[in-house]
Protein backbone atom coordinates (compact mmCIF):
# COMPACT_ATOMS: atom_id res chain seq x y z
CA MET A 1 43.94 23.34 -6.94
CA ILE A 2 40.22 24.03 -7.08
CA LEU A 3 37.34 21.91 -5.79
CA PHE A 4 33.65 21.85 -6.70
CA TYR A 5 31.07 20.22 -4.47
CA PHE A 6 27.42 19.31 -4.43
CA SER A 7 25.86 18.81 -1.01
CA GLY A 8 22.28 17.80 -0.37
CA THR A 9 22.13 18.32 3.39
CA GLY A 10 25.60 19.51 4.35
CA ASN A 11 27.79 16.41 4.63
CA SER A 12 29.68 16.92 1.37
CA ARG A 13 29.99 20.65 2.04
CA PHE A 14 31.61 19.85 5.39
CA VAL A 15 34.17 17.53 3.80
CA ALA A 16 34.85 19.85 0.85
CA GLN A 17 35.48 22.83 3.09
CA ALA A 18 37.63 20.84 5.54
CA PHE A 19 39.77 19.53 2.68
CA CYS A 20 40.14 22.94 1.04
CA ARG A 21 41.09 24.65 4.32
CA ALA A 22 43.84 22.08 4.83
CA ALA A 23 44.96 22.20 1.20
CA GLY A 24 44.74 25.97 0.76
CA ALA A 25 42.50 25.31 -2.23
CA GLN A 26 39.59 27.26 -3.67
CA CYS A 27 36.20 25.74 -2.88
CA TYR A 28 32.91 26.32 -4.71
CA SER A 29 29.42 24.85 -4.62
CA ILE A 30 28.19 23.89 -8.09
CA GLU A 31 24.99 25.75 -7.18
CA GLU A 32 26.85 29.08 -7.20
CA LYS A 33 26.67 31.37 -10.21
CA LEU A 34 30.21 31.21 -11.50
CA ASP A 35 32.27 30.73 -14.65
CA ALA A 36 33.30 27.20 -13.81
CA SER A 37 35.11 26.61 -17.10
CA ALA A 38 37.36 29.62 -16.54
CA LEU A 39 38.08 28.51 -12.98
CA VAL A 40 38.94 25.00 -14.14
CA GLN A 41 41.29 26.25 -16.85
CA ALA A 42 43.31 28.17 -14.25
CA HIS A 43 44.20 25.03 -12.24
CA GLU A 44 46.07 21.82 -12.94
CA ILE A 45 44.24 19.76 -10.32
CA VAL A 46 40.45 19.84 -10.04
CA GLY A 47 38.61 18.27 -7.14
CA PHE A 48 35.04 17.06 -6.80
CA CYS A 49 33.10 16.23 -3.65
CA TYR A 50 29.61 14.76 -3.71
CA PRO A 51 27.26 12.35 -1.94
CA ILE A 52 26.91 8.87 -3.38
CA TYR A 53 23.39 7.50 -3.91
CA GLY A 54 23.15 3.76 -4.48
CA SER A 55 26.81 3.71 -5.53
CA CYS A 56 26.00 6.30 -8.22
CA VAL A 57 27.13 9.92 -8.41
CA ALA A 58 24.44 12.42 -7.41
CA ARG A 59 22.78 13.67 -10.61
CA PRO A 60 23.65 17.38 -10.14
CA MET A 61 27.35 16.48 -10.02
CA ARG A 62 27.06 14.19 -13.04
CA GLU A 63 25.44 16.97 -15.02
CA PHE A 64 28.02 19.53 -13.86
CA VAL A 65 30.95 17.36 -14.96
CA LEU A 66 29.39 16.57 -18.34
CA ALA A 67 28.67 20.26 -18.93
CA HIS A 68 32.36 21.12 -18.46
CA THR A 69 34.03 18.18 -20.19
CA GLU A 70 35.94 20.38 -22.61
CA ALA A 71 37.46 22.55 -19.87
CA LEU A 72 38.34 19.46 -17.80
CA ALA A 73 40.35 17.81 -20.58
CA GLY A 74 43.98 17.27 -19.60
CA LYS A 75 43.41 17.94 -15.89
CA ARG A 76 44.23 15.72 -12.93
CA PHE A 77 41.44 14.97 -10.49
CA VAL A 78 40.79 14.53 -6.78
CA VAL A 79 37.51 12.80 -5.92
CA LEU A 80 35.97 12.87 -2.44
CA CYS A 81 32.80 10.87 -1.87
CA THR A 82 30.52 11.04 1.16
CA GLN A 83 28.47 8.01 2.13
CA LEU A 84 26.32 6.72 4.95
CA MET A 85 27.96 3.34 5.48
CA PHE A 86 29.50 1.75 2.42
CA SER A 87 29.36 2.40 -1.32
CA GLY A 88 32.06 0.11 -2.67
CA ASP A 89 33.21 2.26 -5.56
CA GLY A 90 31.59 5.63 -4.80
CA ALA A 91 34.66 7.68 -5.70
CA HIS A 92 35.45 5.51 -8.70
CA ALA A 93 31.95 6.04 -10.10
CA LEU A 94 32.80 9.55 -11.27
CA SER A 95 35.85 8.47 -13.27
CA ALA A 96 33.69 7.18 -16.12
CA LEU A 97 32.56 10.77 -16.76
CA LEU A 98 35.97 12.42 -16.46
CA PRO A 99 38.22 13.10 -19.46
CA GLY A 100 41.02 10.56 -19.27
CA GLY A 101 38.93 8.18 -17.17
CA GLU A 102 40.29 6.57 -14.03
CA LYS A 103 43.92 7.19 -15.04
CA SER A 104 43.34 10.92 -14.64
CA VAL A 105 42.31 10.52 -10.98
CA VAL A 106 45.31 11.08 -8.71
CA TYR A 107 43.44 10.78 -5.41
CA ALA A 108 40.10 9.32 -4.34
CA GLU A 109 38.70 8.92 -0.84
CA HIS A 110 35.47 7.91 0.91
CA PHE A 111 34.02 9.60 4.01
CA ASN A 112 31.41 8.04 6.30
CA MET A 113 29.06 10.79 7.41
CA PRO A 114 25.94 11.23 9.61
CA ASN A 115 22.72 9.71 8.32
CA ASN A 116 20.44 12.16 6.48
CA LEU A 117 17.77 9.61 5.54
CA CYS A 118 15.49 10.86 8.27
CA ASN A 119 12.42 8.93 7.06
CA PHE A 120 14.10 5.57 6.51
CA HIS A 121 13.81 3.76 9.82
CA MET A 122 16.29 1.02 8.91
CA PHE A 123 19.03 3.62 9.43
CA ARG A 124 18.91 5.34 12.80
CA VAL A 125 19.27 9.12 12.88
CA THR A 126 22.16 10.04 15.16
CA ASN A 127 22.78 13.21 17.13
CA GLY A 128 25.12 14.66 19.69
CA ARG A 129 28.29 12.75 20.53
CA GLU A 130 27.91 10.18 17.77
CA ASN A 131 27.77 12.84 15.08
CA THR A 132 30.54 14.89 16.71
CA ALA A 133 32.86 11.89 16.70
CA ARG A 134 32.03 11.03 13.09
CA LEU A 135 32.60 14.60 11.94
CA LYS A 136 35.93 14.74 13.75
CA ARG A 137 37.02 11.58 11.96
CA ALA A 138 35.91 13.03 8.63
CA GLN A 139 37.79 16.25 9.31
CA LYS A 140 40.93 14.32 10.19
CA ARG A 141 40.63 12.22 7.02
CA ALA A 142 40.12 15.35 4.92
CA ALA A 143 43.27 16.91 6.39
CA ARG A 144 45.22 13.73 5.70
CA ALA A 145 43.92 13.70 2.13
CA ALA A 146 45.08 17.29 1.62
CA GLU A 147 48.54 16.42 2.94
CA GLU A 148 48.83 13.36 0.72
CA VAL A 149 47.69 15.21 -2.39
CA ALA A 150 50.26 17.93 -1.68
CA ALA A 151 52.94 15.26 -1.26
CA GLY A 152 52.00 13.61 -4.54
CA ARG A 153 50.80 10.39 -2.97
CA ILE A 154 48.44 8.37 -5.14
CA ARG A 155 45.41 6.91 -3.35
CA ARG A 156 42.39 5.60 -5.22
CA ARG A 157 39.78 4.41 -2.76
CA GLY A 158 37.08 2.37 -4.45
CA PHE A 159 39.11 1.60 -7.59
CA HIS A 160 39.88 -2.03 -6.71
CA PRO A 161 37.98 -4.64 -8.78
CA VAL A 162 36.36 -6.00 -5.62
CA SER A 163 35.13 -2.48 -4.74
CA SER A 164 33.71 -2.11 -8.25
CA ALA A 165 31.90 -5.43 -7.97
CA LEU A 166 30.42 -4.45 -4.62
CA GLY A 167 29.38 -1.08 -6.01
CA LYS A 168 27.56 -2.71 -8.91
CA SER A 169 25.42 -4.62 -6.43
CA GLN A 170 23.84 -1.24 -5.63
CA SER A 171 24.34 0.82 -8.78
CA ALA A 172 22.55 -1.71 -10.96
CA PHE A 173 19.29 -0.74 -9.25
CA TRP A 174 19.75 3.00 -8.64
CA PRO A 175 19.03 4.44 -12.13
CA ALA A 176 15.51 3.03 -12.11
CA ILE A 177 14.96 4.26 -8.54
CA GLU A 178 16.28 7.70 -9.45
CA GLU A 179 13.97 7.91 -12.46
CA ARG A 180 10.93 6.88 -10.42
CA ALA A 181 11.77 9.40 -7.72
CA LYS A 182 11.81 12.41 -10.08
CA ASP A 183 8.15 13.17 -9.41
CA ASP A 184 7.70 11.30 -6.14
CA ILE A 185 7.53 14.22 -3.68
CA LEU A 186 4.63 13.94 -1.26
CA VAL A 187 3.44 16.74 1.06
CA ASP A 188 0.97 15.97 3.82
CA ALA A 189 -1.63 18.06 5.63
CA ASP A 190 0.90 19.34 8.16
CA CYS A 191 2.43 21.63 5.52
CA ILE A 192 2.20 25.31 6.57
CA ARG A 193 3.12 26.61 3.10
CA CYS A 194 6.18 28.46 4.34
CA GLY A 195 7.90 27.93 0.99
CA LEU A 196 11.21 26.85 2.52
CA CYS A 197 11.40 23.65 0.47
CA ALA A 198 10.92 25.60 -2.77
CA ARG A 199 13.59 28.13 -1.84
CA ILE A 200 16.27 25.58 -1.00
CA CYS A 201 15.67 22.95 -3.70
CA PRO A 202 18.96 22.73 -5.65
CA VAL A 203 17.33 21.91 -8.98
CA GLY A 204 14.19 24.07 -8.89
CA ASN A 205 11.93 21.05 -8.61
CA LEU A 206 9.58 22.65 -6.07
CA SER A 207 7.46 25.77 -6.23
CA MET A 208 4.52 27.23 -4.37
CA GLY A 209 1.20 27.14 -6.15
CA ALA A 210 -2.33 28.05 -5.24
CA ASP A 211 -2.86 24.64 -3.63
CA GLY A 212 0.53 24.41 -1.92
CA VAL A 213 3.81 22.79 -2.96
CA GLU A 214 4.06 21.78 -6.61
CA GLN A 215 6.76 19.66 -8.25
CA ALA A 216 8.29 19.75 -11.72
CA GLY A 217 9.48 16.15 -12.02
CA LYS A 218 13.15 16.95 -11.39
CA CYS A 219 13.77 15.60 -7.87
CA VAL A 220 17.36 14.36 -7.36
CA VAL A 221 16.65 12.69 -3.99
CA CYS A 222 19.08 14.96 -2.14
CA TYR A 223 16.83 15.00 0.96
CA ARG A 224 17.40 18.70 1.56
CA CYS A 225 13.70 19.54 1.71
CA VAL A 226 12.84 16.46 3.78
CA ASN A 227 15.42 17.34 6.43
CA ALA A 228 14.69 21.08 6.47
CA CYS A 229 10.89 21.03 6.63
CA PRO A 230 9.89 22.57 10.00
CA LYS A 231 6.78 20.36 10.15
CA GLN A 232 8.27 17.15 8.71
CA ALA A 233 5.51 17.35 6.14
CA ILE A 234 7.46 16.41 3.02
CA THR A 235 8.92 13.09 1.91
CA THR A 236 10.61 11.71 -1.18
CA LEU A 237 11.20 8.14 -2.30
CA ILE A 238 10.25 6.69 1.08
CA HIS A 239 6.82 7.61 2.44
CA THR A 240 6.21 6.34 5.96
């Protein structure tokens, strides 16, 4: 088995690595330079782990799957979805892009993870014991998932019609939000022009220009730059 993950701020990486350690599976970030098609062809089961945004698959993972559709044909899939609170059908959302659709998914699971929306005051940022407990639960769930996949147990979290209906209550609005957010990076006067945001952006949306941070209209709302900025000078989507 092999698993590919996209992680904006580390939550999905944590789950992907915990699952792969328990499963003895190979684990790769989709940001790595690798021959993904060749890796896929060498395995019968292919896993994906990603954060869910508005009950929609993060755009980098959508694009990765679509770019490797031919290699993925005939494979069985494990889908692991990280979420803040509740997505409804977060893991099911990827099945529409997979060859064979939902029938090709042998295992799907959701993981509640620490909040990374650090500039959205409706959701409190947690630290210390709260995060430790949540990460321990996620690690335990990842280990259980690995055991169940190895045993051939079928679990499809988020595939129930009720879950799909609940997911649509969010996903109906996300595409428009995602489109609007593509060029919605704001940098305030506290920016020290360290260039960190440009170096860590997963899609090359940010660069350093003569007047500071510049954007290319490709933001995927992963919140990596917002969380990493040493001066909390950068925001996306929510500007407060």
